[in-house]
Amino acid sequence: MTAKVFITGTSGFVGFHLARLLLEEGATVHGYDAMTEYYDIRLKQARQDILETYERFSSCCARLEDASALDAAIKTCAPDVIVHLAAQAGVRYSIEAPRSYLDSNILGTFNLLETVRHRPVGHLLLASTSSAYGANQDMPYTETDKADTQMSFYAATKKATEAIGHSYAHLYGIPTTMFRFFTVYGPWGRPDMALFKFTRAILNDESIEVYNHGRMRRDFTYVGDLVRAVRLLIDTPPDRLTGKVTAEDSLSPVAPFRIVNIGNSEPVDLMDFIRAIETATDSKARKTYLDMQPGDVPATWADSTLLHALTGYRPQTPVTEGVAEFVAWYRQYHGL
């Protein structure tokens, strides 16, 4: 791949993995990241240090809310493709600090779209979330499902960026793909995510908090699979509809805009996920069972038919394998 790619959030979990994959394939990557203190900056810096070993990687440190800095960075990079991953993440934290989600996710995405409409790119890809499906109970989730019942402010801000992105795609002809991620996990993951917290607690012989008394299912998606899917979607920009769209396609009738699920299409019971961690750590978890947390949903399940139709690819890493990879990384990173 010889394209110039501008990625927001390159010191973050997914952004780091995507940038490294593209660099390995020969792309030139410019990263944009604010290195915020939502979690341990040392982990973010360690990811960034790895990316900086690549000759074709450059970066700047600034916030999405800084429209001038964002515009200047994109102007300097002159990218062929932009992948927007930076965001304030986390369902639970959005209950405590909603304004940070408004500023980063909505205002930050608006600033990016404003820059792109004046500096067009061949393909704009933006991260959304499976949480956008909200209270939907029909599963697996398909991209053409109605999604108007978000249950957290985090999900609401991501659904808002989908609507805003569609309007810009329609008005300014920006080829735009929104991808809805389903519970991404793997090496270099975020410390606020269940796998990281469970592994740390189990290895320290501390109790883990199991919400909804363990009656939860998630479509866990290994990060290597996810970034491979994003990489393939880069080469599949949507066009304006010129004929009849297939039943499974989310292509807009009025804009070069599409929503694509990226998930393993195989929901796993939370208790089976915990057992996979126990096997990988060779330790038994001590569990504290709690009620469901506000804003959370009991299950997620992706229909990946559209992803496969567009790219010929489906995520497929089994949870047992992906969890073992994470635990091996965790031990190495912490010198255990």
Protein backbone atom coordinates (compact mmCIF):
# COMPACT_ATOMS: atom_id res chain seq x y z
CA MET A 1 0.00 0.00 0.00
CA THR A 2 1.50 3.34 -1.05
CA ALA A 3 -1.24 5.71 0.10
CA LYS A 4 -0.82 8.54 2.58
CA VAL A 5 -3.15 7.87 5.50
CA PHE A 6 -4.09 10.32 8.26
CA ILE A 7 -5.22 8.51 11.42
CA THR A 8 -6.63 10.18 14.50
CA GLY A 9 -5.94 8.36 17.76
CA THR A 10 -2.68 6.61 16.86
CA SER A 11 -1.54 6.31 20.47
CA GLY A 12 -4.85 4.63 21.26
CA PHE A 13 -5.59 0.92 21.21
CA VAL A 14 -7.14 0.48 17.74
CA GLY A 15 -5.29 3.39 16.14
CA PHE A 16 -1.93 1.94 17.14
CA HIS A 17 -2.71 -1.47 15.64
CA LEU A 18 -4.11 0.02 12.42
CA ALA A 19 -1.16 2.39 11.97
CA ARG A 20 1.33 -0.44 12.47
CA LEU A 21 -0.51 -2.66 9.98
CA LEU A 22 -0.55 0.08 7.33
CA LEU A 23 3.11 0.93 7.92
CA GLU A 24 4.02 -2.73 7.51
CA GLU A 25 2.20 -2.68 4.17
CA GLY A 26 4.19 0.34 2.95
CA ALA A 27 1.78 3.20 3.63
CA THR A 28 2.84 6.61 4.87
CA VAL A 29 0.97 7.36 8.10
CA HIS A 30 0.50 10.62 9.94
CA GLY A 31 -0.93 10.28 13.44
CA TYR A 32 -2.94 12.83 15.37
CA ASP A 33 -3.46 12.25 19.08
CA ALA A 34 -3.95 14.40 22.18
CA MET A 35 -2.44 11.88 24.63
CA THR A 36 -5.22 12.64 27.09
CA GLU A 37 -5.14 11.35 30.67
CA TYR A 38 -8.28 9.18 30.49
CA TYR A 39 -5.94 6.27 31.20
CA ASP A 40 -2.21 5.72 31.80
CA ILE A 41 -0.26 7.90 29.37
CA ARG A 42 2.73 5.58 29.75
CA LEU A 43 0.81 2.91 27.84
CA LYS A 44 -0.06 5.39 25.12
CA GLN A 45 3.55 6.53 24.93
CA ALA A 46 4.79 2.97 24.65
CA ARG A 47 2.53 2.43 21.64
CA GLN A 48 3.68 5.73 20.14
CA ASP A 49 7.33 4.81 20.65
CA ILE A 50 6.85 1.67 18.55
CA LEU A 51 5.23 3.62 15.72
CA GLU A 52 8.04 6.17 15.75
CA THR A 53 10.53 3.45 14.81
CA TYR A 54 8.98 3.47 11.32
CA GLU A 55 10.52 5.91 8.86
CA ARG A 56 7.17 6.61 7.17
CA PHE A 57 5.40 7.58 10.40
CA SER A 58 4.97 11.13 11.64
CA SER A 59 2.64 12.59 14.21
CA CYS A 60 1.48 15.61 16.11
CA CYS A 61 -0.02 16.00 19.56
CA ALA A 62 -3.21 18.08 19.64
CA ARG A 63 -6.88 17.81 20.47
CA LEU A 64 -9.70 17.26 18.00
CA GLU A 65 -11.39 20.29 19.54
CA ASP A 66 -8.51 22.46 18.26
CA ALA A 67 -9.87 23.10 14.78
CA SER A 68 -6.85 25.10 13.63
CA ALA A 69 -4.36 22.43 14.69
CA LEU A 70 -6.41 19.68 13.06
CA ASP A 71 -6.77 21.63 9.82
CA ALA A 72 -3.04 22.42 9.73
CA ALA A 73 -2.09 18.78 10.34
CA ILE A 74 -4.32 17.51 7.53
CA LYS A 75 -3.11 20.25 5.20
CA THR A 76 0.51 19.29 5.87
CA CYS A 77 -0.14 15.59 5.44
CA ALA A 78 -2.31 15.97 2.30
CA PRO A 79 -3.67 12.45 2.82
CA ASP A 80 -5.39 10.17 0.35
CA VAL A 81 -7.39 8.57 3.15
CA ILE A 82 -8.46 9.65 6.64
CA VAL A 83 -9.38 7.16 9.37
CA HIS A 84 -10.99 8.86 12.35
CA LEU A 85 -10.60 6.70 15.47
CA ALA A 86 -9.88 9.27 18.20
CA ALA A 87 -12.75 9.69 20.64
CA GLN A 88 -13.65 9.78 24.27
CA ALA A 89 -14.43 6.12 24.85
CA GLY A 90 -16.28 4.17 27.52
CA VAL A 91 -19.95 3.70 28.30
CA ARG A 92 -19.63 4.07 32.07
CA TYR A 93 -17.41 7.15 32.11
CA SER A 94 -19.92 8.96 29.90
CA ILE A 95 -22.31 8.97 32.86
CA GLU A 96 -19.71 10.73 35.00
CA ALA A 97 -18.24 13.15 32.45
CA PRO A 98 -20.66 13.66 29.55
CA ARG A 99 -19.19 16.97 28.42
CA SER A 100 -15.90 15.34 27.46
CA TYR A 101 -17.87 13.13 25.05
CA LEU A 102 -19.71 16.11 23.61
CA ASP A 103 -16.44 17.96 23.06
CA SER A 104 -14.32 15.13 21.69
CA ASN A 105 -16.83 12.99 19.84
CA ILE A 106 -19.24 15.53 18.39
CA LEU A 107 -17.28 18.78 18.20
CA GLY A 108 -14.08 16.96 17.29
CA THR A 109 -15.76 15.03 14.49
CA PHE A 110 -17.42 18.21 13.24
CA ASN A 111 -14.02 19.91 13.05
CA LEU A 112 -12.66 16.99 11.06
CA LEU A 113 -15.58 17.05 8.63
CA GLU A 114 -15.22 20.79 8.14
CA THR A 115 -11.58 20.31 7.19
CA VAL A 116 -12.35 17.44 4.84
CA ARG A 117 -15.02 19.36 2.94
CA HIS A 118 -12.39 21.97 2.10
CA ARG A 119 -9.60 19.40 1.58
CA PRO A 120 -11.24 16.39 -0.08
CA VAL A 121 -9.88 12.88 0.32
CA GLY A 122 -10.53 9.68 -1.59
CA HIS A 123 -12.13 7.98 1.40
CA LEU A 124 -13.10 9.08 4.89
CA LEU A 125 -13.62 6.30 7.46
CA LEU A 126 -15.02 7.01 10.92
CA ALA A 127 -15.40 4.76 13.95
CA SER A 128 -18.77 4.25 15.54
CA THR A 129 -19.85 1.55 17.98
CA SER A 130 -22.14 -1.43 18.44
CA SER A 131 -23.62 0.56 21.33
CA ALA A 132 -25.44 2.58 18.67
CA TYR A 133 -27.93 -0.30 18.41
CA GLY A 134 -29.03 0.55 21.95
CA ALA A 135 -32.14 -1.24 23.16
CA ASN A 136 -32.61 -3.24 19.95
CA GLN A 137 -33.46 -6.85 20.84
CA ASP A 138 -33.53 -8.46 17.39
CA MET A 139 -30.16 -10.10 16.80
CA PRO A 140 -27.80 -10.36 15.09
CA TYR A 141 -27.64 -6.61 14.53
CA THR A 142 -27.64 -5.58 10.88
CA GLU A 143 -26.60 -2.20 9.55
CA THR A 144 -30.05 -1.55 8.12
CA ASP A 145 -31.75 -1.96 11.52
CA LYS A 146 -33.32 1.13 13.01
CA ALA A 147 -31.03 2.44 15.75
CA ASP A 148 -32.73 5.22 17.69
CA THR A 149 -32.72 3.95 21.28
CA GLN A 150 -29.18 4.52 22.56
CA MET A 151 -28.79 3.73 26.25
CA SER A 152 -25.68 5.77 27.11
CA PHE A 153 -24.47 9.24 26.28
CA TYR A 154 -21.36 7.68 24.70
CA ALA A 155 -23.57 5.74 22.28
CA ALA A 156 -25.68 8.83 21.62
CA THR A 157 -22.63 10.87 20.64
CA LYS A 158 -21.47 8.13 18.26
CA LYS A 159 -24.93 7.86 16.67
CA ALA A 160 -24.89 11.64 16.29
CA THR A 161 -21.60 11.48 14.39
CA GLU A 162 -23.14 8.94 12.03
CA ALA A 163 -25.96 11.37 11.23
CA ILE A 164 -23.60 14.33 10.88
CA GLY A 165 -21.24 12.29 8.69
CA HIS A 166 -24.12 11.31 6.41
CA SER A 167 -25.17 14.94 5.97
CA TYR A 168 -21.61 15.93 4.97
CA ALA A 169 -21.34 12.99 2.59
CA HIS A 170 -24.58 14.09 0.95
CA LEU A 171 -23.83 17.80 0.80
CA TYR A 172 -20.18 17.65 -0.22
CA GLY A 173 -19.83 14.28 -1.94
CA ILE A 174 -17.37 12.89 0.62
CA PRO A 175 -17.06 9.07 0.25
CA THR A 176 -17.67 8.03 3.85
CA THR A 177 -17.68 4.68 5.65
CA MET A 178 -18.77 4.44 9.28
CA PHE A 179 -17.84 1.21 11.02
CA ARG A 180 -19.54 -0.08 14.15
CA PHE A 181 -17.01 -1.90 16.33
CA PHE A 182 -18.09 -4.83 18.51
CA THR A 183 -16.20 -5.23 21.83
CA VAL A 184 -12.63 -5.05 20.61
CA TYR A 185 -9.96 -6.79 22.71
CA GLY A 186 -6.36 -7.91 22.41
CA PRO A 187 -2.73 -6.91 23.14
CA TRP A 188 -2.13 -3.25 23.99
CA GLY A 189 -5.78 -2.90 25.06
CA ARG A 190 -7.20 -0.15 27.25
CA PRO A 191 -6.96 -0.55 31.05
CA ASP A 192 -10.65 0.38 31.46
CA MET A 193 -11.80 -2.62 29.40
CA ALA A 194 -13.02 -5.86 30.97
CA LEU A 195 -10.20 -8.09 29.72
CA PHE A 196 -7.50 -5.79 31.09
CA LYS A 197 -9.26 -5.32 34.43
CA PHE A 198 -10.07 -9.01 34.83
CA THR A 199 -6.55 -10.14 33.97
CA ARG A 200 -4.96 -7.66 36.35
CA ALA A 201 -7.28 -8.64 39.19
CA ILE A 202 -6.92 -12.39 38.65
CA LEU A 203 -3.13 -12.22 38.55
CA ASN A 204 -3.20 -10.16 41.75
CA ASP A 205 -5.68 -12.55 43.41
CA GLU A 206 -8.26 -9.78 43.65
CA SER A 207 -11.99 -10.11 43.09
CA ILE A 208 -13.46 -9.20 39.71
CA GLU A 209 -16.79 -7.40 39.34
CA VAL A 210 -19.24 -9.42 37.25
CA TYR A 211 -22.23 -7.33 36.19
CA ASN A 212 -25.78 -8.56 35.66
CA HIS A 213 -24.69 -11.59 37.70
CA GLY A 214 -22.83 -12.92 34.67
CA ARG A 215 -25.89 -13.01 32.42
CA MET A 216 -24.28 -11.09 29.56
CA ARG A 217 -23.09 -11.96 26.06
CA ARG A 218 -20.68 -10.02 23.89
CA ASP A 219 -19.50 -10.31 20.30
CA PHE A 220 -15.81 -10.12 21.23
CA THR A 221 -13.67 -9.05 18.25
CA TYR A 222 -9.91 -9.55 18.24
CA VAL A 223 -8.08 -6.33 17.42
CA GLY A 224 -5.93 -7.90 14.70
CA ASP A 225 -9.08 -9.02 12.90
CA LEU A 226 -10.70 -5.64 13.33
CA VAL A 227 -7.86 -3.61 11.85
CA ARG A 228 -7.56 -6.08 8.97
CA ALA A 229 -11.23 -5.39 8.22
CA VAL A 230 -10.64 -1.62 8.36
CA ARG A 231 -7.64 -2.01 6.07
CA LEU A 232 -9.78 -3.83 3.50
CA LEU A 233 -12.60 -1.30 3.80
CA ILE A 234 -10.14 1.49 2.95
CA ASP A 235 -10.09 0.06 -0.57
CA THR A 236 -13.90 0.02 -0.78
CA PRO A 237 -15.14 3.63 -0.79
CA PRO A 238 -18.89 3.97 -1.30
CA ASP A 239 -20.27 5.59 -4.44
CA ARG A 240 -23.52 7.46 -4.85
CA LEU A 241 -26.33 5.03 -5.50
CA THR A 242 -26.87 4.61 -9.25
CA GLY A 243 -29.11 1.54 -9.17
CA LYS A 244 -30.95 -0.77 -6.82
CA VAL A 245 -29.03 -1.53 -3.64
CA THR A 246 -28.91 -5.10 -2.31
CA ALA A 247 -31.02 -5.92 0.73
CA GLU A 248 -28.05 -6.26 3.08
CA ASP A 249 -26.30 -3.06 1.95
CA SER A 250 -26.53 0.07 4.10
CA LEU A 251 -25.48 2.35 1.22
CA SER A 252 -27.39 5.62 1.46
CA PRO A 253 -29.86 6.42 -1.35
CA VAL A 254 -28.71 10.05 -1.36
CA ALA A 255 -24.99 10.02 -0.44
CA PRO A 256 -21.73 8.09 -0.88
CA PHE A 257 -22.16 6.83 2.67
CA ARG A 258 -22.26 3.38 4.22
CA ILE A 259 -22.32 1.85 7.73
CA VAL A 260 -20.49 -1.46 8.24
CA ASN A 261 -20.45 -3.77 11.27
CA ILE A 262 -17.08 -5.20 12.29
CA GLY A 263 -17.63 -8.08 14.68
CA ASN A 264 -16.82 -11.73 15.16
CA SER A 265 -20.46 -12.73 14.57
CA GLU A 266 -20.24 -15.18 17.45
CA PRO A 267 -21.44 -13.86 20.82
CA VAL A 268 -19.73 -15.37 23.85
CA ASP A 269 -21.20 -15.72 27.33
CA LEU A 270 -19.41 -13.50 29.85
CA MET A 271 -18.73 -16.48 32.09
CA ASP A 272 -17.07 -18.34 29.19
CA PHE A 273 -14.94 -15.24 28.56
CA ILE A 274 -13.86 -15.27 32.21
CA ARG A 275 -13.06 -18.99 31.97
CA ALA A 276 -10.81 -18.23 28.97
CA ILE A 277 -8.89 -15.73 31.12
CA GLU A 278 -8.63 -18.26 33.94
CA THR A 279 -7.18 -20.81 31.52
CA ALA A 280 -4.70 -18.31 30.04
CA THR A 281 -3.54 -17.13 33.48
CA ASP A 282 -3.70 -20.58 35.07
CA SER A 283 -5.55 -18.95 37.95
CA LYS A 284 -9.07 -19.00 39.36
CA ALA A 285 -11.08 -15.79 39.45
CA ARG A 286 -12.71 -14.61 42.65
CA LYS A 287 -16.01 -13.05 41.59
CA THR A 288 -18.26 -10.35 43.01
CA TYR A 289 -21.66 -10.47 41.31
CA LEU A 290 -23.40 -7.14 40.76
CA ASP A 291 -26.51 -5.78 39.06
CA MET A 292 -26.40 -4.38 35.55
CA GLN A 293 -24.74 -0.98 35.30
CA PRO A 294 -26.71 1.99 33.91
CA GLY A 295 -26.24 2.48 30.17
CA ASP A 296 -25.09 -1.10 29.52
CA VAL A 297 -26.83 -3.73 27.40
CA PRO A 298 -27.10 -7.46 28.12
CA ALA A 299 -25.93 -8.68 24.69
CA THR A 300 -24.38 -7.71 21.36
CA TRP A 301 -24.14 -9.73 18.15
CA ALA A 302 -22.90 -8.51 14.78
CA ASP A 303 -24.16 -9.61 11.40
CA SER A 304 -21.00 -9.40 9.27
CA THR A 305 -22.67 -10.25 5.96
CA LEU A 306 -22.05 -6.78 4.52
CA LEU A 307 -18.40 -6.70 5.59
CA HIS A 308 -17.85 -10.05 3.87
CA ALA A 309 -19.71 -8.93 0.74
CA LEU A 310 -17.54 -5.82 0.46
CA THR A 311 -14.16 -7.31 1.39
CA GLY A 312 -14.40 -11.10 1.28
CA TYR A 313 -13.28 -11.10 4.92
CA ARG A 314 -14.81 -11.99 8.28
CA PRO A 315 -13.17 -11.71 11.72
CA GLN A 316 -12.62 -15.23 13.02
CA THR A 317 -10.15 -15.39 15.92
CA PRO A 318 -11.61 -17.58 18.71
CA VAL A 319 -11.87 -15.92 22.11
CA THR A 320 -9.65 -18.55 23.71
CA GLU A 321 -6.85 -17.71 21.26
CA GLY A 322 -7.28 -13.95 21.46
CA VAL A 323 -7.41 -13.92 25.26
CA ALA A 324 -4.24 -16.02 25.43
CA GLU A 325 -2.50 -13.48 23.17
CA PHE A 326 -3.57 -10.66 25.45
CA VAL A 327 -2.45 -12.41 28.64
CA ALA A 328 0.95 -13.18 27.08
CA TRP A 329 1.31 -9.50 26.13
CA TYR A 330 0.17 -8.37 29.59
CA ARG A 331 2.78 -10.53 31.31
CA GLN A 332 5.52 -9.28 28.99
CA TYR A 333 4.51 -5.61 29.26
CA HIS A 334 4.42 -5.73 33.07
CA GLY A 335 7.47 -7.97 33.41
CA LEU A 336 5.57 -10.79 35.08
